Amino acid sequence: MNKLFIKLRYILILFVAFIAASSFFLMNNIPVQAVTQQNVIDNVEKIDDGITNWSAKTYANTKNELGQIPIGKGLSLGYTFGAARNSSNKVVSGADSTILTDSKTSATSVTNSKINVFLNNNGNYYGILHQGTDSYANASPQNASDTSLDFALVTAGTSAINYDNYSLLKQLKYKVYYVGSDKDGRQV
């Protein structure tokens, strides 16, 4: 009986806190403003994640950069946003200038700004995620990992998930690409 009372008390406290917070926001008519790329930069740079050398990459002509974790004997786990290969399946940095372009969706894909994880075996690219048609440098790099939602908000009870309605990338505007290095000198 005592455990039930404690649980009910916590539920009541959470309910009262929710009602109080909701009332505060409704009664104080807090204005909402559109976010700009500079707002993103100003706020992201306040995050203390242990990396002190973040460098913001913004807007036109920004190309992706690769991070890699050595596994051994010429093999690395590579990661980036966008394409990371050329037409000969060789790993290349700077292959994608679409990483800050607004994402687009179709019924079965999302393009631009996509996460890309791959294996680099002595300079040869081996994709871990599906790569879309011509998803390499100087072709259609925006198609890198095009069938992955990457980021989605899906609620319980959803029966049909489609790219148009659930892709968070499609909703993001004013993207900023950051590059830094961790304590071991690996690019992040």
C-alpha atoms as a PDB file:
ATOM      1  CA  MET A   1       0.000   0.000   0.000  1.00  0.00           C
ATOM      2  CA  ASN A   2       2.859   2.354   0.854  1.00  0.00           C
ATOM      3  CA  LYS A   3       4.498   1.875  -2.599  1.00  0.00           C
ATOM      4  CA  LEU A   4       1.201   2.601  -4.324  1.00  0.00           C
ATOM      5  CA  PHE A   5       0.816   5.819  -2.307  1.00  0.00           C
ATOM      6  CA  ILE A   6       4.337   6.933  -3.293  1.00  0.00           C
ATOM      7  CA  LYS A   7       3.648   6.253  -7.003  1.00  0.00           C
ATOM      8  CA  LEU A   8       0.343   8.130  -6.860  1.00  0.00           C
ATOM      9  CA  ARG A   9       2.055  11.054  -5.142  1.00  0.00           C
ATOM     10  CA  TYR A  10       4.683  11.262  -7.923  1.00  0.00           C
ATOM     11  CA  ILE A  11       2.000  11.115 -10.583  1.00  0.00           C
ATOM     12  CA  LEU A  12       0.087  13.904  -8.832  1.00  0.00           C
ATOM     13  CA  ILE A  13       3.236  16.057  -8.584  1.00  0.00           C
ATOM     14  CA  LEU A  14       3.987  15.563 -12.295  1.00  0.00           C
ATOM     15  CA  PHE A  15       0.376  16.373 -13.192  1.00  0.00           C
ATOM     16  CA  VAL A  16       0.388  19.587 -11.139  1.00  0.00           C
ATOM     17  CA  ALA A  17       3.756  20.608 -12.657  1.00  0.00           C
ATOM     18  CA  PHE A  18       2.358  20.009 -16.153  1.00  0.00           C
ATOM     19  CA  ILE A  19      -0.763  22.083 -15.442  1.00  0.00           C
ATOM     20  CA  ALA A  20       1.339  24.892 -13.922  1.00  0.00           C
ATOM     21  CA  ALA A  21       3.741  24.997 -16.875  1.00  0.00           C
ATOM     22  CA  SER A  22       0.896  24.891 -19.381  1.00  0.00           C
ATOM     23  CA  SER A  23      -0.911  27.713 -17.577  1.00  0.00           C
ATOM     24  CA  PHE A  24       2.250  29.831 -17.487  1.00  0.00           C
ATOM     25  CA  PHE A  25       2.816  29.531 -21.231  1.00  0.00           C
ATOM     26  CA  LEU A  26      -0.846  30.066 -22.117  1.00  0.00           C
ATOM     27  CA  MET A  27      -1.357  33.083 -19.843  1.00  0.00           C
ATOM     28  CA  ASN A  28       1.911  34.843 -20.618  1.00  0.00           C
ATOM     29  CA  ASN A  29       1.434  34.774 -24.396  1.00  0.00           C
ATOM     30  CA  ILE A  30       5.121  34.106 -25.103  1.00  0.00           C
ATOM     31  CA  PRO A  31       5.954  35.206 -28.665  1.00  0.00           C
ATOM     32  CA  VAL A  32       7.552  32.785 -31.090  1.00  0.00           C
ATOM     33  CA  GLN A  33      10.011  33.979 -33.715  1.00  0.00           C
ATOM     34  CA  ALA A  34      11.527  32.360 -36.773  1.00  0.00           C
ATOM     35  CA  VAL A  35      15.002  30.921 -36.303  1.00  0.00           C
ATOM     36  CA  THR A  36      17.896  32.114 -38.439  1.00  0.00           C
ATOM     37  CA  GLN A  37      21.189  30.412 -39.193  1.00  0.00           C
ATOM     38  CA  GLN A  38      22.915  32.881 -36.830  1.00  0.00           C
ATOM     39  CA  ASN A  39      20.516  31.861 -34.007  1.00  0.00           C
ATOM     40  CA  VAL A  40      21.577  28.257 -34.535  1.00  0.00           C
ATOM     41  CA  ILE A  41      25.276  29.189 -34.435  1.00  0.00           C
ATOM     42  CA  ASP A  42      24.894  31.358 -31.313  1.00  0.00           C
ATOM     43  CA  ASN A  43      23.094  28.615 -29.385  1.00  0.00           C
ATOM     44  CA  VAL A  44      25.039  25.563 -30.543  1.00  0.00           C
ATOM     45  CA  GLU A  45      28.300  27.197 -29.532  1.00  0.00           C
ATOM     46  CA  LYS A  46      27.026  27.381 -25.922  1.00  0.00           C
ATOM     47  CA  ILE A  47      26.889  23.573 -25.668  1.00  0.00           C
ATOM     48  CA  ASP A  48      29.717  22.110 -23.593  1.00  0.00           C
ATOM     49  CA  ASP A  49      30.325  18.685 -25.091  1.00  0.00           C
ATOM     50  CA  GLY A  50      34.051  18.548 -24.328  1.00  0.00           C
ATOM     51  CA  ILE A  51      35.097  19.620 -27.819  1.00  0.00           C
ATOM     52  CA  THR A  52      36.542  23.116 -27.847  1.00  0.00           C
ATOM     53  CA  ASN A  53      37.515  23.589 -31.486  1.00  0.00           C
ATOM     54  CA  TRP A  54      34.170  23.446 -33.284  1.00  0.00           C
ATOM     55  CA  SER A  55      34.173  25.359 -36.583  1.00  0.00           C
ATOM     56  CA  ALA A  56      30.851  26.288 -38.207  1.00  0.00           C
ATOM     57  CA  LYS A  57      30.452  25.717 -41.933  1.00  0.00           C
ATOM     58  CA  THR A  58      27.573  27.675 -43.417  1.00  0.00           C
ATOM     59  CA  TYR A  59      25.663  28.116 -46.665  1.00  0.00           C
ATOM     60  CA  ALA A  60      26.948  27.940 -50.225  1.00  0.00           C
ATOM     61  CA  ASN A  61      30.023  26.049 -51.344  1.00  0.00           C
ATOM     62  CA  THR A  62      30.442  24.145 -48.089  1.00  0.00           C
ATOM     63  CA  LYS A  63      31.647  20.630 -48.806  1.00  0.00           C
ATOM     64  CA  ASN A  64      31.490  17.702 -46.452  1.00  0.00           C
ATOM     65  CA  GLU A  65      34.472  16.417 -44.530  1.00  0.00           C
ATOM     66  CA  LEU A  66      35.122  12.849 -43.431  1.00  0.00           C
ATOM     67  CA  GLY A  67      35.724  11.444 -39.991  1.00  0.00           C
ATOM     68  CA  GLN A  68      37.211   7.996 -39.552  1.00  0.00           C
ATOM     69  CA  ILE A  69      37.934   5.581 -36.740  1.00  0.00           C
ATOM     70  CA  PRO A  70      40.808   3.177 -37.502  1.00  0.00           C
ATOM     71  CA  ILE A  71      39.905  -0.477 -37.045  1.00  0.00           C
ATOM     72  CA  GLY A  72      43.185  -1.996 -38.233  1.00  0.00           C
ATOM     73  CA  LYS A  73      45.203  -3.159 -41.268  1.00  0.00           C
ATOM     74  CA  GLY A  74      44.027  -0.341 -43.559  1.00  0.00           C
ATOM     75  CA  LEU A  75      40.388  -0.614 -42.472  1.00  0.00           C
ATOM     76  CA  SER A  76      38.473   2.336 -40.941  1.00  0.00           C
ATOM     77  CA  LEU A  77      34.888   3.109 -40.050  1.00  0.00           C
ATOM     78  CA  GLY A  78      34.108   6.316 -41.939  1.00  0.00           C
ATOM     79  CA  TYR A  79      31.349   8.832 -41.309  1.00  0.00           C
ATOM     80  CA  THR A  80      30.154  12.075 -42.835  1.00  0.00           C
ATOM     81  CA  PHE A  81      27.080  13.858 -44.097  1.00  0.00           C
ATOM     82  CA  GLY A  82      26.449  13.215 -47.790  1.00  0.00           C
ATOM     83  CA  ALA A  83      28.523  11.376 -50.366  1.00  0.00           C
ATOM     84  CA  ALA A  84      31.999  10.039 -49.567  1.00  0.00           C
ATOM     85  CA  ARG A  85      33.075   8.382 -52.809  1.00  0.00           C
ATOM     86  CA  ASN A  86      33.893   9.042 -56.419  1.00  0.00           C
ATOM     87  CA  SER A  87      32.657   7.144 -59.485  1.00  0.00           C
ATOM     88  CA  SER A  88      35.426   4.538 -58.995  1.00  0.00           C
ATOM     89  CA  ASN A  89      34.250   3.801 -55.416  1.00  0.00           C
ATOM     90  CA  LYS A  90      37.318   5.464 -53.915  1.00  0.00           C
ATOM     91  CA  VAL A  91      36.851   7.328 -50.609  1.00  0.00           C
ATOM     92  CA  VAL A  92      37.035  11.098 -51.144  1.00  0.00           C
ATOM     93  CA  SER A  93      36.526  14.029 -48.798  1.00  0.00           C
ATOM     94  CA  GLY A  94      34.689  17.074 -50.092  1.00  0.00           C
ATOM     95  CA  ALA A  95      32.554  14.994 -52.453  1.00  0.00           C
ATOM     96  CA  ASP A  96      29.281  16.655 -51.481  1.00  0.00           C
ATOM     97  CA  SER A  97      28.330  20.336 -51.553  1.00  0.00           C
ATOM     98  CA  THR A  98      24.627  19.599 -50.862  1.00  0.00           C
ATOM     99  CA  ILE A  99      24.999  19.025 -47.121  1.00  0.00           C
ATOM    100  CA  LEU A 100      23.384  22.354 -46.167  1.00  0.00           C
ATOM    101  CA  THR A 101      20.808  22.314 -48.968  1.00  0.00           C
ATOM    102  CA  ASP A 102      17.211  21.996 -47.796  1.00  0.00           C
ATOM    103  CA  SER A 103      16.217  18.351 -47.830  1.00  0.00           C
ATOM    104  CA  LYS A 104      13.585  17.105 -50.253  1.00  0.00           C
ATOM    105  CA  THR A 105      11.359  14.079 -49.914  1.00  0.00           C
ATOM    106  CA  SER A 106       9.487  11.779 -52.212  1.00  0.00           C
ATOM    107  CA  ALA A 107       7.361   8.778 -51.340  1.00  0.00           C
ATOM    108  CA  THR A 108      10.459   6.623 -50.837  1.00  0.00           C
ATOM    109  CA  SER A 109      13.466   8.866 -50.263  1.00  0.00           C
ATOM    110  CA  VAL A 110      15.008  11.909 -48.603  1.00  0.00           C
ATOM    111  CA  THR A 111      17.859  13.803 -50.267  1.00  0.00           C
ATOM    112  CA  ASN A 112      20.522  16.268 -49.037  1.00  0.00           C
ATOM    113  CA  SER A 113      22.251  16.408 -45.633  1.00  0.00           C
ATOM    114  CA  LYS A 114      22.100  12.658 -45.146  1.00  0.00           C
ATOM    115  CA  ILE A 115      24.129  10.641 -42.656  1.00  0.00           C
ATOM    116  CA  ASN A 116      26.638   8.362 -44.354  1.00  0.00           C
ATOM    117  CA  VAL A 117      28.484   5.569 -42.553  1.00  0.00           C
ATOM    118  CA  PHE A 118      30.864   3.385 -44.529  1.00  0.00           C
ATOM    119  CA  LEU A 119      33.959   1.204 -44.408  1.00  0.00           C
ATOM    120  CA  ASN A 120      37.192   2.554 -45.864  1.00  0.00           C
ATOM    121  CA  ASN A 121      39.344  -0.429 -46.853  1.00  0.00           C
ATOM    122  CA  ASN A 122      42.674   0.999 -48.017  1.00  0.00           C
ATOM    123  CA  GLY A 123      40.897   3.853 -49.820  1.00  0.00           C
ATOM    124  CA  ASN A 124      38.071   1.736 -51.239  1.00  0.00           C
ATOM    125  CA  TYR A 125      34.506   2.693 -50.287  1.00  0.00           C
ATOM    126  CA  TYR A 126      32.118   0.047 -48.930  1.00  0.00           C
ATOM    127  CA  GLY A 127      28.717   1.501 -48.063  1.00  0.00           C
ATOM    128  CA  ILE A 128      26.910   0.364 -44.945  1.00  0.00           C
ATOM    129  CA  LEU A 129      23.774   2.347 -45.810  1.00  0.00           C
ATOM    130  CA  HIS A 130      21.926   2.124 -49.115  1.00  0.00           C
ATOM    131  CA  GLN A 131      23.363   4.541 -51.667  1.00  0.00           C
ATOM    132  CA  GLY A 132      21.016   6.078 -54.228  1.00  0.00           C
ATOM    133  CA  THR A 133      21.597   6.311 -57.958  1.00  0.00           C
ATOM    134  CA  ASP A 134      24.886   8.047 -58.847  1.00  0.00           C
ATOM    135  CA  SER A 135      25.403   9.097 -55.197  1.00  0.00           C
ATOM    136  CA  TYR A 136      29.028  10.094 -55.663  1.00  0.00           C
ATOM    137  CA  ALA A 137      31.125  13.211 -56.320  1.00  0.00           C
ATOM    138  CA  ASN A 138      30.387  15.098 -59.546  1.00  0.00           C
ATOM    139  CA  ALA A 139      27.146  13.175 -60.135  1.00  0.00           C
ATOM    140  CA  SER A 140      24.232  13.103 -57.619  1.00  0.00           C
ATOM    141  CA  PRO A 141      25.870  13.260 -54.172  1.00  0.00           C
ATOM    142  CA  GLN A 142      22.575  14.396 -52.627  1.00  0.00           C
ATOM    143  CA  ASN A 143      21.343  10.802 -53.086  1.00  0.00           C
ATOM    144  CA  ALA A 144      23.699   9.409 -50.417  1.00  0.00           C
ATOM    145  CA  SER A 145      21.738   7.111 -48.070  1.00  0.00           C
ATOM    146  CA  ASP A 146      18.544   8.374 -49.698  1.00  0.00           C
ATOM    147  CA  THR A 147      16.196   5.655 -48.391  1.00  0.00           C
ATOM    148  CA  SER A 148      17.052   6.259 -44.732  1.00  0.00           C
ATOM    149  CA  LEU A 149      14.898   8.727 -42.807  1.00  0.00           C
ATOM    150  CA  ASP A 150      17.958   9.536 -40.622  1.00  0.00           C
ATOM    151  CA  PHE A 151      15.853  11.599 -38.228  1.00  0.00           C
ATOM    152  CA  ALA A 152      12.102  11.087 -37.833  1.00  0.00           C
ATOM    153  CA  LEU A 153       9.350  11.813 -35.350  1.00  0.00           C
ATOM    154  CA  VAL A 154       6.898   8.927 -35.335  1.00  0.00           C
ATOM    155  CA  THR A 155       4.180   8.590 -32.718  1.00  0.00           C
ATOM    156  CA  ALA A 156       2.637   5.424 -31.322  1.00  0.00           C
ATOM    157  CA  GLY A 157      -0.155   3.998 -33.409  1.00  0.00           C
ATOM    158  CA  THR A 158       1.289   5.160 -36.718  1.00  0.00           C
ATOM    159  CA  SER A 159       0.494   2.543 -39.310  1.00  0.00           C
ATOM    160  CA  ALA A 160       2.043   3.964 -42.480  1.00  0.00           C
ATOM    161  CA  ILE A 161       5.302   5.845 -42.220  1.00  0.00           C
ATOM    162  CA  ASN A 162       6.113   7.916 -45.273  1.00  0.00           C
ATOM    163  CA  TYR A 163       9.013  10.227 -45.989  1.00  0.00           C
ATOM    164  CA  ASP A 164       6.958  13.347 -46.695  1.00  0.00           C
ATOM    165  CA  ASN A 165       5.200  13.372 -43.334  1.00  0.00           C
ATOM    166  CA  TYR A 166       7.851  12.058 -40.959  1.00  0.00           C
ATOM    167  CA  SER A 167      11.248  13.312 -42.136  1.00  0.00           C
ATOM    168  CA  LEU A 168      12.651  15.873 -39.723  1.00  0.00           C
ATOM    169  CA  LEU A 169      15.364  16.754 -42.237  1.00  0.00           C
ATOM    170  CA  LYS A 170      12.683  18.080 -44.577  1.00  0.00           C
ATOM    171  CA  GLN A 171      11.543  20.446 -41.824  1.00  0.00           C
ATOM    172  CA  LEU A 172      14.993  21.768 -40.909  1.00  0.00           C
ATOM    173  CA  LYS A 173      15.998  25.157 -42.267  1.00  0.00           C
ATOM    174  CA  TYR A 174      19.195  27.126 -41.665  1.00  0.00           C
ATOM    175  CA  LYS A 175      21.390  24.060 -41.277  1.00  0.00           C
ATOM    176  CA  VAL A 176      24.890  24.519 -39.920  1.00  0.00           C
ATOM    177  CA  TYR A 177      27.645  21.954 -40.372  1.00  0.00           C
ATOM    178  CA  TYR A 178      30.253  21.815 -37.597  1.00  0.00           C
ATOM    179  CA  VAL A 179      33.694  20.248 -37.698  1.00  0.00           C
ATOM    180  CA  GLY A 180      36.031  19.718 -34.762  1.00  0.00           C
ATOM    181  CA  SER A 181      38.232  17.044 -33.242  1.00  0.00           C
ATOM    182  CA  ASP A 182      37.942  14.834 -30.191  1.00  0.00           C
ATOM    183  CA  LYS A 183      40.588  14.283 -27.506  1.00  0.00           C
ATOM    184  CA  ASP A 184      42.285  11.678 -29.723  1.00  0.00           C
ATOM    185  CA  GLY A 185      42.514  14.074 -32.666  1.00  0.00           C
ATOM    186  CA  ARG A 186      39.808  12.312 -34.700  1.00  0.00           C
ATOM    187  CA  GLN A 187      37.481  14.505 -36.711  1.00  0.00           C
ATOM    188  CA  VAL A 188      33.961  14.929 -35.377  1.00  0.00           C
END
